[in-house]
Amino acid sequence: IWDCMRSNWANMFMGAATPFQTGGAPAQIYVLWRCGVPVADSLLISTVNLVATLTFFLLSSLLALFWLPADLFGENFAPIFRVGFSVVTAIVSILLLFLSFPTVAHKALSALFRVLPGKSQSSRDKRTRILDRVHSELLRVRQGFRSILRHNKTGIFLTIIATQVLFFNKYLMGYVVARAMGQEVPFEIFIGLQVIQLLLIYFAPTPGASGIAELSSVWLMGKLMPESTLLIYALLWRLTSTILGAIFGSVVLLYEFRDQSKDK
């Protein structure tokens, strides 16, 4: 459990340090690999976690729409929500497709490699070796995924429950911050706004959704809180929900890099 926690902290740090959260999964896989977990199994763990997270976002965002008053947003909100919901749905579908049919992922990578520059024989040989390795790892991932579906459905259920608890805590952090600032905010509407916000910013193009997260927080929470408190709220919310976890993750990665250099 401790190693899984450390890998998740590393995920949080690199996700916060890279655009579109692209560094989160490699950081998690790296820490798990350092703990002795094979790459294919680490990839499966990271992918299942991501699918569970995004599925929870989709379901909770639909629930949030029932909590939020119909007149809370203007006409511009519906297109923004549809775009965010569609992007997350597409990513979940692609991940499930790759988990179930790894040959599709292999063909997609092959097509990508064909358009990359470099036509020398050595470049082609290197790409072939990479594709062969990726294909073998993807087959192992599919085997592990199907094994989970057949023999460990309880594990998937517990993963979904754990994801719900984790992200509800993230939603709750904002509510606690608002109440600590003396703001009387309605619980259901506030949590609904948090759900919508995380859905919209999860794959923001800036590192850790910096800027976008703060602006969206001010925009959304401005529906419930006075303007004079919004900046302080946004800073405290980011500190508790993202920055502290990212700091823990940076320490984890620094120790792993140090230990790996010693091993060499």
Protein backbone atom coordinates (compact mmCIF):
# COMPACT_ATOMS: atom_id res chain seq x y z
CA ILE A 1 0.00 0.00 0.00
CA TRP A 2 2.84 2.39 0.86
CA ASP A 3 4.46 1.92 -2.54
CA CYS A 4 1.11 2.53 -4.26
CA MET A 5 0.69 5.76 -2.28
CA ARG A 6 4.18 6.87 -3.25
CA SER A 7 3.51 6.14 -6.91
CA ASN A 8 0.29 8.15 -6.77
CA TRP A 9 2.12 11.11 -5.22
CA ALA A 10 4.67 10.90 -8.03
CA ASN A 11 1.75 10.85 -10.46
CA MET A 12 0.35 14.00 -8.86
CA PHE A 13 3.68 15.83 -9.08
CA MET A 14 4.43 15.07 -12.72
CA GLY A 15 0.79 15.56 -13.66
CA ALA A 16 1.00 19.04 -12.11
CA ALA A 17 4.33 19.76 -13.80
CA THR A 18 3.41 18.78 -17.38
CA PRO A 19 0.79 19.91 -19.93
CA PHE A 20 -2.36 17.78 -20.23
CA GLN A 21 -1.12 15.74 -17.18
CA THR A 22 1.03 13.74 -19.60
CA GLY A 23 3.82 13.14 -17.08
CA GLY A 24 1.65 11.61 -14.38
CA ALA A 25 1.37 8.06 -15.69
CA PRO A 26 5.10 7.68 -16.59
CA ALA A 27 6.04 8.86 -13.09
CA GLN A 28 3.69 6.35 -11.49
CA ILE A 29 4.96 3.55 -13.72
CA TYR A 30 8.56 4.48 -12.91
CA VAL A 31 8.03 4.32 -9.14
CA LEU A 32 6.17 1.01 -9.39
CA TRP A 33 8.95 -0.36 -11.62
CA ARG A 34 11.51 0.71 -9.03
CA CYS A 35 9.48 -1.25 -6.48
CA GLY A 36 9.75 -4.41 -8.58
CA VAL A 37 6.48 -4.28 -10.52
CA PRO A 38 6.90 -5.29 -14.21
CA VAL A 39 6.34 -2.53 -16.75
CA ALA A 40 3.27 -4.23 -18.25
CA ASP A 41 1.66 -4.60 -14.82
CA SER A 42 2.53 -1.00 -13.92
CA LEU A 43 0.99 0.17 -17.19
CA LEU A 44 -2.15 -1.84 -16.47
CA ILE A 45 -2.42 -0.38 -12.95
CA SER A 46 -2.00 3.17 -14.23
CA THR A 47 -4.48 2.67 -17.08
CA VAL A 48 -7.15 1.08 -14.89
CA ASN A 49 -6.75 3.92 -12.38
CA LEU A 50 -7.13 6.49 -15.16
CA VAL A 51 -10.21 4.76 -16.59
CA ALA A 52 -11.77 4.59 -13.11
CA THR A 53 -10.98 8.27 -12.53
CA LEU A 54 -12.43 9.47 -15.83
CA THR A 55 -15.49 7.22 -15.53
CA PHE A 56 -16.13 8.70 -12.10
CA PHE A 57 -15.81 12.20 -13.59
CA LEU A 58 -18.41 11.37 -16.23
CA LEU A 59 -20.91 9.86 -13.81
CA SER A 60 -20.45 12.49 -11.11
CA SER A 61 -20.75 15.34 -13.62
CA LEU A 62 -24.10 13.99 -14.79
CA LEU A 63 -25.21 13.81 -11.16
CA ALA A 64 -23.96 17.35 -10.57
CA LEU A 65 -26.22 18.66 -13.33
CA PHE A 66 -29.21 17.49 -11.27
CA TRP A 67 -27.86 19.25 -8.17
CA LEU A 68 -27.18 22.57 -9.85
CA PRO A 69 -30.04 25.02 -10.48
CA ALA A 70 -30.89 25.37 -14.16
CA ASP A 71 -30.44 29.16 -14.07
CA LEU A 72 -27.02 29.09 -12.36
CA PHE A 73 -25.09 29.45 -15.63
CA GLY A 74 -25.59 31.44 -18.79
CA GLU A 75 -26.08 30.09 -22.29
CA ASN A 76 -22.33 29.68 -22.86
CA PHE A 77 -21.98 26.93 -20.26
CA ALA A 78 -23.71 24.13 -22.18
CA PRO A 79 -21.22 24.08 -25.11
CA ILE A 80 -18.25 24.18 -22.70
CA PHE A 81 -19.66 21.29 -20.69
CA ARG A 82 -20.40 19.26 -23.82
CA VAL A 83 -16.83 19.71 -25.07
CA GLY A 84 -15.32 18.63 -21.75
CA PHE A 85 -17.69 15.69 -21.42
CA SER A 86 -17.03 14.58 -25.01
CA VAL A 87 -13.24 14.75 -24.62
CA VAL A 88 -13.28 12.65 -21.45
CA THR A 89 -15.71 10.15 -23.01
CA ALA A 90 -13.47 9.80 -26.07
CA ILE A 91 -10.38 9.20 -23.92
CA VAL A 92 -12.15 6.53 -21.84
CA SER A 93 -13.36 4.81 -25.01
CA ILE A 94 -9.86 4.82 -26.54
CA LEU A 95 -8.28 3.43 -23.37
CA LEU A 96 -10.84 0.64 -23.13
CA LEU A 97 -10.33 -0.13 -26.82
CA PHE A 98 -6.57 -0.39 -26.36
CA LEU A 99 -6.97 -2.54 -23.24
CA SER A 100 -9.31 -4.93 -25.02
CA PHE A 101 -7.63 -4.90 -28.45
CA PRO A 102 -3.90 -4.10 -28.13
CA THR A 103 -3.34 -4.83 -31.82
CA VAL A 104 -5.26 -1.61 -32.57
CA ALA A 105 -2.77 0.34 -30.45
CA HIS A 106 0.11 -1.42 -32.18
CA LYS A 107 -1.25 -0.50 -35.63
CA ALA A 108 -1.76 3.11 -34.54
CA LEU A 109 1.83 3.34 -33.30
CA SER A 110 3.09 1.72 -36.50
CA ALA A 111 1.25 4.32 -38.57
CA LEU A 112 2.71 7.09 -36.39
CA PHE A 113 6.25 5.75 -36.73
CA ARG A 114 5.91 5.63 -40.52
CA VAL A 115 5.39 9.39 -40.74
CA LEU A 116 8.24 10.27 -38.38
CA PRO A 117 11.47 11.57 -39.95
CA GLY A 118 14.46 9.28 -40.31
CA LYS A 119 14.66 6.80 -43.20
CA SER A 120 18.02 5.19 -42.49
CA GLN A 121 18.27 1.47 -41.86
CA SER A 122 19.39 2.01 -38.26
CA SER A 123 16.35 4.22 -37.59
CA ARG A 124 14.00 1.64 -39.08
CA ASP A 125 15.62 -1.15 -37.05
CA LYS A 126 15.29 0.88 -33.85
CA ARG A 127 11.62 1.59 -34.53
CA THR A 128 11.00 -2.09 -35.24
CA ARG A 129 12.58 -3.06 -31.92
CA ILE A 130 10.49 -0.47 -30.10
CA LEU A 131 7.29 -1.63 -31.79
CA ASP A 132 8.03 -5.27 -30.99
CA ARG A 133 8.64 -4.43 -27.34
CA VAL A 134 5.51 -2.28 -27.14
CA HIS A 135 3.45 -5.02 -28.79
CA SER A 136 4.65 -7.67 -26.33
CA GLU A 137 3.95 -5.37 -23.37
CA LEU A 138 0.48 -4.52 -24.71
CA LEU A 139 -0.31 -8.21 -25.04
CA ARG A 140 0.69 -8.71 -21.41
CA VAL A 141 -1.50 -5.76 -20.44
CA ARG A 142 -4.47 -7.29 -22.27
CA GLN A 143 -3.85 -10.64 -20.60
CA GLY A 144 -3.72 -8.97 -17.19
CA PHE A 145 -6.86 -6.91 -17.90
CA ARG A 146 -8.83 -9.95 -18.99
CA SER A 147 -7.58 -11.86 -15.96
CA ILE A 148 -8.87 -9.08 -13.72
CA LEU A 149 -12.25 -9.14 -15.46
CA ARG A 150 -12.51 -12.91 -15.01
CA HIS A 151 -11.05 -13.42 -11.56
CA ASN A 152 -10.99 -10.13 -9.69
CA LYS A 153 -14.18 -8.19 -10.36
CA THR A 154 -14.14 -7.26 -6.68
CA GLY A 155 -10.83 -5.49 -7.24
CA ILE A 156 -12.34 -3.34 -9.99
CA PHE A 157 -15.30 -2.50 -7.77
CA LEU A 158 -12.97 -1.53 -4.91
CA THR A 159 -10.90 0.59 -7.31
CA ILE A 160 -14.02 2.52 -8.30
CA ILE A 161 -15.01 2.97 -4.64
CA ALA A 162 -11.49 4.14 -3.72
CA THR A 163 -11.58 6.60 -6.64
CA GLN A 164 -14.90 7.98 -5.42
CA VAL A 165 -13.52 8.46 -1.91
CA LEU A 166 -10.35 10.12 -3.22
CA PHE A 167 -12.09 12.61 -5.46
CA PHE A 168 -14.91 13.31 -3.04
CA ASN A 169 -12.17 14.31 -0.60
CA LYS A 170 -10.80 16.68 -3.26
CA TYR A 171 -14.27 18.15 -3.70
CA LEU A 172 -14.66 18.38 0.07
CA MET A 173 -11.37 20.27 0.46
CA GLY A 174 -12.81 23.24 -1.40
CA TYR A 175 -15.94 23.18 0.75
CA VAL A 176 -13.89 23.06 3.96
CA VAL A 177 -11.74 25.97 2.74
CA ALA A 178 -14.85 28.03 1.96
CA ARG A 179 -16.39 27.30 5.36
CA ALA A 180 -13.09 28.05 7.12
CA MET A 181 -13.19 31.46 5.42
CA GLY A 182 -16.60 32.04 6.99
CA GLN A 183 -18.64 31.51 3.83
CA GLU A 184 -22.10 29.96 4.17
CA VAL A 185 -22.25 27.98 0.93
CA PRO A 186 -24.88 25.33 0.05
CA PHE A 187 -23.20 21.93 0.20
CA GLU A 188 -24.84 20.24 -2.82
CA ILE A 189 -24.40 23.19 -5.17
CA PHE A 190 -20.80 23.73 -4.06
CA ILE A 191 -19.84 20.07 -4.60
CA GLY A 192 -21.63 20.13 -7.96
CA LEU A 193 -19.53 23.11 -9.03
CA GLN A 194 -16.35 21.32 -7.92
CA VAL A 195 -17.32 18.28 -10.00
CA ILE A 196 -17.89 20.40 -13.10
CA GLN A 197 -14.63 22.27 -12.57
CA LEU A 198 -12.45 19.16 -12.32
CA LEU A 199 -14.13 17.67 -15.39
CA LEU A 200 -13.31 20.79 -17.40
CA ILE A 201 -9.70 21.28 -16.25
CA TYR A 202 -8.42 17.70 -15.90
CA PHE A 203 -6.75 17.76 -19.32
CA ALA A 204 -5.96 21.47 -19.41
CA PRO A 205 -3.03 22.31 -21.74
CA THR A 206 -1.07 24.23 -19.10
CA PRO A 207 1.10 22.37 -16.53
CA GLY A 208 -1.14 21.35 -13.66
CA ALA A 209 -3.94 23.41 -15.24
CA SER A 210 -2.14 26.46 -13.84
CA GLY A 211 -4.03 29.64 -14.57
CA ILE A 212 -7.01 27.76 -15.97
CA ALA A 213 -7.79 26.16 -12.60
CA GLU A 214 -7.62 29.48 -10.78
CA LEU A 215 -9.70 31.33 -13.37
CA SER A 216 -12.33 28.59 -13.51
CA SER A 217 -12.44 28.54 -9.71
CA VAL A 218 -13.09 32.28 -9.60
CA TRP A 219 -15.70 31.99 -12.36
CA LEU A 220 -17.58 29.06 -10.81
CA MET A 221 -17.32 29.98 -7.13
CA GLY A 222 -18.28 33.54 -7.97
CA LYS A 223 -21.81 32.12 -8.16
CA LEU A 224 -21.71 31.45 -4.40
CA MET A 225 -19.04 33.64 -2.81
CA PRO A 226 -18.34 37.40 -2.73
CA GLU A 227 -15.74 38.68 -5.17
CA SER A 228 -13.41 39.88 -2.39
CA THR A 229 -12.85 36.31 -1.15
CA LEU A 230 -12.40 34.51 -4.47
CA LEU A 231 -8.65 35.01 -4.94
CA ILE A 232 -7.80 33.83 -1.42
CA TYR A 233 -10.14 30.87 -1.82
CA ALA A 234 -8.56 29.89 -5.16
CA LEU A 235 -5.04 29.98 -3.67
CA LEU A 236 -5.98 27.94 -0.59
CA TRP A 237 -7.93 25.44 -2.68
CA ARG A 238 -4.98 24.89 -5.04
CA LEU A 239 -2.61 24.53 -2.09
CA THR A 240 -4.67 21.83 -0.40
CA SER A 241 -5.92 19.96 -3.46
CA THR A 242 -2.84 20.00 -5.71
CA ILE A 243 0.32 21.67 -4.46
CA LEU A 244 0.79 19.71 -1.22
CA GLY A 245 0.37 16.37 -3.00
CA ALA A 246 2.74 17.51 -5.74
CA ILE A 247 5.36 18.41 -3.13
CA PHE A 248 5.12 14.91 -1.65
CA GLY A 249 5.45 13.48 -5.16
CA SER A 250 8.55 15.53 -5.92
CA VAL A 251 10.21 14.20 -2.77
CA VAL A 252 9.32 10.62 -3.77
CA LEU A 253 10.86 11.04 -7.23
CA LEU A 254 13.99 12.72 -5.87
CA TYR A 255 14.58 9.80 -3.51
CA GLU A 256 13.96 7.29 -6.30
CA PHE A 257 16.40 9.07 -8.64
CA ARG A 258 18.98 9.21 -5.87
CA ASP A 259 18.58 5.53 -5.04
CA GLN A 260 18.78 4.55 -8.72
CA SER A 261 22.01 6.52 -9.16
CA LYS A 262 23.45 4.73 -6.13
CA ASP A 263 22.46 1.36 -7.59
CA LYS A 264 24.46 2.15 -10.70
